[in-house]
Amino acid sequence: MQIPEFIAQQSADRRAMLARIHGIIVDRDKTVTANVGMMMGKEMILYNGPGMFKYGLASVKNYMSLHAMPIYGIPELYSRYKELLPKAAFQKGCINFKDEEEMPLAVVERLIADCAKVDLLALREKWRQSSKAAKSGKAAKPSKAAKRK
């Protein structure tokens, strides 16, 4: 299925919002390519950056949802946009909303502009390195027997 067809299949009150957010993402983040696919058991527009998933735009029964991996990996982005979007419902890496009142498009533009600057592959590698360091640090701790000496 193509993206215009996906948007056209949504309820009339959501089509314009979904189309505008889709336009913002492809205009503001030139690193992504978009296609319709499945994620978390739902059909949605998936936006893949170099080497990995970056955004998703879904329309489910009671709300629309913008999945943004950069806010999942950068707590400062998450905090900033949670404050700027007080009427939206935040999960770990997605923002659920019903309409433009809950998700003003001017804020979406800022969010995507900030997220576009994020190199997710570098962020993932940094996380892997810190995870490895934490695991090796645990292995290097002295045993209980060594502590008693």
C-alpha atoms as a PDB file:
ATOM      1  CA  MET A   1       0.000   0.000   0.000  1.00  0.00           C
ATOM      2  CA  GLN A   2       1.202   3.513  -0.794  1.00  0.00           C
ATOM      3  CA  ILE A   3       1.170   6.354   1.766  1.00  0.00           C
ATOM      4  CA  PRO A   4      -1.605   8.410   0.082  1.00  0.00           C
ATOM      5  CA  GLU A   5      -3.804   5.306   0.071  1.00  0.00           C
ATOM      6  CA  PHE A   6      -3.045   4.647   3.750  1.00  0.00           C
ATOM      7  CA  ILE A   7      -3.987   8.222   4.687  1.00  0.00           C
ATOM      8  CA  ALA A   8      -7.144   8.098   2.530  1.00  0.00           C
ATOM      9  CA  GLN A   9      -8.313   4.994   4.432  1.00  0.00           C
ATOM     10  CA  GLN A  10      -8.265   6.833   7.769  1.00  0.00           C
ATOM     11  CA  SER A  11     -11.316   8.583   9.213  1.00  0.00           C
ATOM     12  CA  ALA A  12     -12.114  11.933   7.624  1.00  0.00           C
ATOM     13  CA  ASP A  13     -11.310  13.872  10.803  1.00  0.00           C
ATOM     14  CA  ARG A  14      -7.740  12.463  10.865  1.00  0.00           C
ATOM     15  CA  ARG A  15      -6.686  12.594   7.205  1.00  0.00           C
ATOM     16  CA  ALA A  16      -5.495  16.205   7.159  1.00  0.00           C
ATOM     17  CA  MET A  17      -3.561  15.860  10.420  1.00  0.00           C
ATOM     18  CA  LEU A  18      -1.827  12.665   9.300  1.00  0.00           C
ATOM     19  CA  ALA A  19      -0.995  14.150   5.899  1.00  0.00           C
ATOM     20  CA  ARG A  20       0.446  17.294   7.488  1.00  0.00           C
ATOM     21  CA  ILE A  21       2.582  15.380   9.982  1.00  0.00           C
ATOM     22  CA  HIS A  22       3.793  13.090   7.187  1.00  0.00           C
ATOM     23  CA  GLY A  23       4.727  16.184   5.166  1.00  0.00           C
ATOM     24  CA  ILE A  24       6.599  17.683   8.112  1.00  0.00           C
ATOM     25  CA  ILE A  25       8.622  14.500   8.623  1.00  0.00           C
ATOM     26  CA  VAL A  26       9.684  14.084   4.983  1.00  0.00           C
ATOM     27  CA  ASP A  27      10.366  17.836   4.596  1.00  0.00           C
ATOM     28  CA  ARG A  28      12.316  18.317   7.836  1.00  0.00           C
ATOM     29  CA  ASP A  29      14.257  15.035   8.012  1.00  0.00           C
ATOM     30  CA  LYS A  30      15.900  14.281   4.683  1.00  0.00           C
ATOM     31  CA  THR A  31      17.622  11.204   6.165  1.00  0.00           C
ATOM     32  CA  VAL A  32      14.433   9.109   6.197  1.00  0.00           C
ATOM     33  CA  THR A  33      12.503   7.144   3.620  1.00  0.00           C
ATOM     34  CA  ALA A  34       8.834   6.396   4.208  1.00  0.00           C
ATOM     35  CA  ASN A  35       6.680   3.368   3.476  1.00  0.00           C
ATOM     36  CA  VAL A  36       3.601   1.702   4.911  1.00  0.00           C
ATOM     37  CA  GLY A  37       4.372  -1.334   7.032  1.00  0.00           C
ATOM     38  CA  MET A  38       3.641  -3.200  10.232  1.00  0.00           C
ATOM     39  CA  MET A  39       4.986  -2.311  13.649  1.00  0.00           C
ATOM     40  CA  MET A  40       3.690  -3.502  16.996  1.00  0.00           C
ATOM     41  CA  GLY A  41       0.882  -5.345  15.208  1.00  0.00           C
ATOM     42  CA  LYS A  42      -0.407  -2.148  13.567  1.00  0.00           C
ATOM     43  CA  GLU A  43      -0.188  -0.874  10.024  1.00  0.00           C
ATOM     44  CA  MET A  44       1.410   2.570   9.954  1.00  0.00           C
ATOM     45  CA  ILE A  45       3.747   4.817   8.037  1.00  0.00           C
ATOM     46  CA  LEU A  46       7.311   3.838   8.898  1.00  0.00           C
ATOM     47  CA  TYR A  47      10.199   6.232   8.416  1.00  0.00           C
ATOM     48  CA  ASN A  48      13.589   4.556   8.259  1.00  0.00           C
ATOM     49  CA  GLY A  49      16.815   6.459   8.622  1.00  0.00           C
ATOM     50  CA  PRO A  50      20.255   5.132   7.756  1.00  0.00           C
ATOM     51  CA  GLY A  51      20.362   1.615   9.131  1.00  0.00           C
ATOM     52  CA  MET A  52      17.328   1.751  11.404  1.00  0.00           C
ATOM     53  CA  PHE A  53      13.766   2.823  12.167  1.00  0.00           C
ATOM     54  CA  LYS A  54      13.416   6.482  13.188  1.00  0.00           C
ATOM     55  CA  TYR A  55       9.692   7.431  13.202  1.00  0.00           C
ATOM     56  CA  GLY A  56       6.272   5.876  12.861  1.00  0.00           C
ATOM     57  CA  LEU A  57       2.908   7.514  12.271  1.00  0.00           C
ATOM     58  CA  ALA A  58      -0.168   5.511  13.223  1.00  0.00           C
ATOM     59  CA  SER A  59      -3.910   5.922  13.445  1.00  0.00           C
ATOM     60  CA  VAL A  60      -5.579   3.500  15.826  1.00  0.00           C
ATOM     61  CA  LYS A  61      -9.051   3.268  17.304  1.00  0.00           C
ATOM     62  CA  ASN A  62      -8.952   6.063  19.895  1.00  0.00           C
ATOM     63  CA  TYR A  63      -5.946   8.189  18.877  1.00  0.00           C
ATOM     64  CA  MET A  64      -3.116   8.865  16.456  1.00  0.00           C
ATOM     65  CA  SER A  65       0.451   8.170  17.438  1.00  0.00           C
ATOM     66  CA  LEU A  66       3.845   9.564  16.484  1.00  0.00           C
ATOM     67  CA  HIS A  67       6.705   7.222  17.345  1.00  0.00           C
ATOM     68  CA  ALA A  68      10.003   9.109  17.543  1.00  0.00           C
ATOM     69  CA  MET A  69      13.046   7.042  18.426  1.00  0.00           C
ATOM     70  CA  PRO A  70      15.288  10.056  19.141  1.00  0.00           C
ATOM     71  CA  ILE A  71      13.104  11.081  22.111  1.00  0.00           C
ATOM     72  CA  TYR A  72      13.409   7.528  23.439  1.00  0.00           C
ATOM     73  CA  GLY A  73      17.187   7.727  23.364  1.00  0.00           C
ATOM     74  CA  ILE A  74      17.682  11.327  24.498  1.00  0.00           C
ATOM     75  CA  PRO A  75      15.952  12.124  27.800  1.00  0.00           C
ATOM     76  CA  GLU A  76      16.370  15.886  27.309  1.00  0.00           C
ATOM     77  CA  LEU A  77      14.317  15.760  24.089  1.00  0.00           C
ATOM     78  CA  TYR A  78      11.665  13.665  25.795  1.00  0.00           C
ATOM     79  CA  SER A  79      11.411  16.102  28.711  1.00  0.00           C
ATOM     80  CA  ARG A  80      11.348  19.183  26.483  1.00  0.00           C
ATOM     81  CA  TYR A  81       8.528  17.921  24.288  1.00  0.00           C
ATOM     82  CA  LYS A  82       6.540  16.435  27.125  1.00  0.00           C
ATOM     83  CA  GLU A  83       6.458  19.948  28.561  1.00  0.00           C
ATOM     84  CA  LEU A  84       5.628  21.542  25.182  1.00  0.00           C
ATOM     85  CA  LEU A  85       2.819  19.032  24.511  1.00  0.00           C
ATOM     86  CA  PRO A  86       0.985  18.833  27.856  1.00  0.00           C
ATOM     87  CA  LYS A  87      -2.286  17.593  26.328  1.00  0.00           C
ATOM     88  CA  ALA A  88      -0.671  14.661  24.488  1.00  0.00           C
ATOM     89  CA  ALA A  89      -0.080  11.281  26.126  1.00  0.00           C
ATOM     90  CA  PHE A  90       3.595  10.306  26.205  1.00  0.00           C
ATOM     91  CA  GLN A  91       4.868   6.751  26.276  1.00  0.00           C
ATOM     92  CA  LYS A  92       8.567   5.796  26.157  1.00  0.00           C
ATOM     93  CA  GLY A  93       9.107   6.585  22.495  1.00  0.00           C
ATOM     94  CA  CYS A  94       5.738   7.679  21.201  1.00  0.00           C
ATOM     95  CA  ILE A  95       3.275  10.479  21.591  1.00  0.00           C
ATOM     96  CA  ASN A  96      -0.454   9.720  21.435  1.00  0.00           C
ATOM     97  CA  PHE A  97      -2.887  12.471  20.475  1.00  0.00           C
ATOM     98  CA  LYS A  98      -6.412  12.964  19.192  1.00  0.00           C
ATOM     99  CA  ASP A  99      -6.187  16.254  17.294  1.00  0.00           C
ATOM    100  CA  GLU A 100      -4.153  19.368  16.606  1.00  0.00           C
ATOM    101  CA  GLU A 101      -5.110  20.846  19.971  1.00  0.00           C
ATOM    102  CA  GLU A 102      -3.180  18.037  21.656  1.00  0.00           C
ATOM    103  CA  MET A 103      -0.413  18.004  19.027  1.00  0.00           C
ATOM    104  CA  PRO A 104       0.104  21.509  17.565  1.00  0.00           C
ATOM    105  CA  LEU A 105       1.839  21.285  14.208  1.00  0.00           C
ATOM    106  CA  ALA A 106       4.268  24.099  15.064  1.00  0.00           C
ATOM    107  CA  VAL A 107       5.559  21.948  17.927  1.00  0.00           C
ATOM    108  CA  VAL A 108       5.693  18.876  15.655  1.00  0.00           C
ATOM    109  CA  GLU A 109       7.876  20.865  13.259  1.00  0.00           C
ATOM    110  CA  ARG A 110      10.293  21.740  16.090  1.00  0.00           C
ATOM    111  CA  LEU A 111      10.285  18.146  17.338  1.00  0.00           C
ATOM    112  CA  ILE A 112      11.122  16.713  13.921  1.00  0.00           C
ATOM    113  CA  ALA A 113      13.773  19.397  13.319  1.00  0.00           C
ATOM    114  CA  ASP A 114      15.420  18.416  16.621  1.00  0.00           C
ATOM    115  CA  CYS A 115      15.072  14.690  15.924  1.00  0.00           C
ATOM    116  CA  ALA A 116      16.487  15.089  12.407  1.00  0.00           C
ATOM    117  CA  LYS A 117      19.812  16.156  13.941  1.00  0.00           C
ATOM    118  CA  VAL A 118      20.092  12.888  15.867  1.00  0.00           C
ATOM    119  CA  ASP A 119      22.297  10.153  14.431  1.00  0.00           C
ATOM    120  CA  LEU A 120      20.533   7.071  15.759  1.00  0.00           C
ATOM    121  CA  LEU A 121      23.322   4.707  14.713  1.00  0.00           C
ATOM    122  CA  ALA A 122      25.831   6.722  16.755  1.00  0.00           C
ATOM    123  CA  LEU A 123      23.386   6.870  19.660  1.00  0.00           C
ATOM    124  CA  ARG A 124      22.894   3.091  19.506  1.00  0.00           C
ATOM    125  CA  GLU A 125      26.658   2.490  19.385  1.00  0.00           C
ATOM    126  CA  LYS A 126      27.190   4.782  22.399  1.00  0.00           C
ATOM    127  CA  TRP A 127      24.496   2.837  24.279  1.00  0.00           C
ATOM    128  CA  ARG A 128      26.125  -0.495  23.327  1.00  0.00           C
ATOM    129  CA  GLN A 129      29.521   0.696  24.502  1.00  0.00           C
ATOM    130  CA  SER A 130      28.151   1.923  27.838  1.00  0.00           C
ATOM    131  CA  SER A 131      26.235  -1.330  28.232  1.00  0.00           C
ATOM    132  CA  LYS A 132      29.389  -3.361  27.588  1.00  0.00           C
ATOM    133  CA  ALA A 133      31.346  -1.196  30.035  1.00  0.00           C
ATOM    134  CA  ALA A 134      28.672  -1.672  32.700  1.00  0.00           C
ATOM    135  CA  LYS A 135      28.724  -5.446  32.209  1.00  0.00           C
ATOM    136  CA  SER A 136      32.518  -5.641  32.311  1.00  0.00           C
ATOM    137  CA  GLY A 137      32.513  -3.404  35.381  1.00  0.00           C
ATOM    138  CA  LYS A 138      30.236  -5.876  37.161  1.00  0.00           C
ATOM    139  CA  ALA A 139      32.556  -8.729  36.263  1.00  0.00           C
ATOM    140  CA  ALA A 140      35.542  -6.801  37.644  1.00  0.00           C
ATOM    141  CA  LYS A 141      33.998  -6.260  41.085  1.00  0.00           C
ATOM    142  CA  PRO A 142      35.657  -8.235  43.833  1.00  0.00           C
ATOM    143  CA  SER A 143      33.911 -11.337  45.074  1.00  0.00           C
ATOM    144  CA  LYS A 144      32.402 -11.517  48.579  1.00  0.00           C
ATOM    145  CA  ALA A 145      35.340 -13.688  49.643  1.00  0.00           C
ATOM    146  CA  ALA A 146      37.823 -11.109  48.417  1.00  0.00           C
ATOM    147  CA  LYS A 147      35.965  -8.375  50.275  1.00  0.00           C
ATOM    148  CA  ARG A 148      36.265 -10.295  53.568  1.00  0.00           C
ATOM    149  CA  LYS A 149      40.085 -10.428  53.427  1.00  0.00           C
END
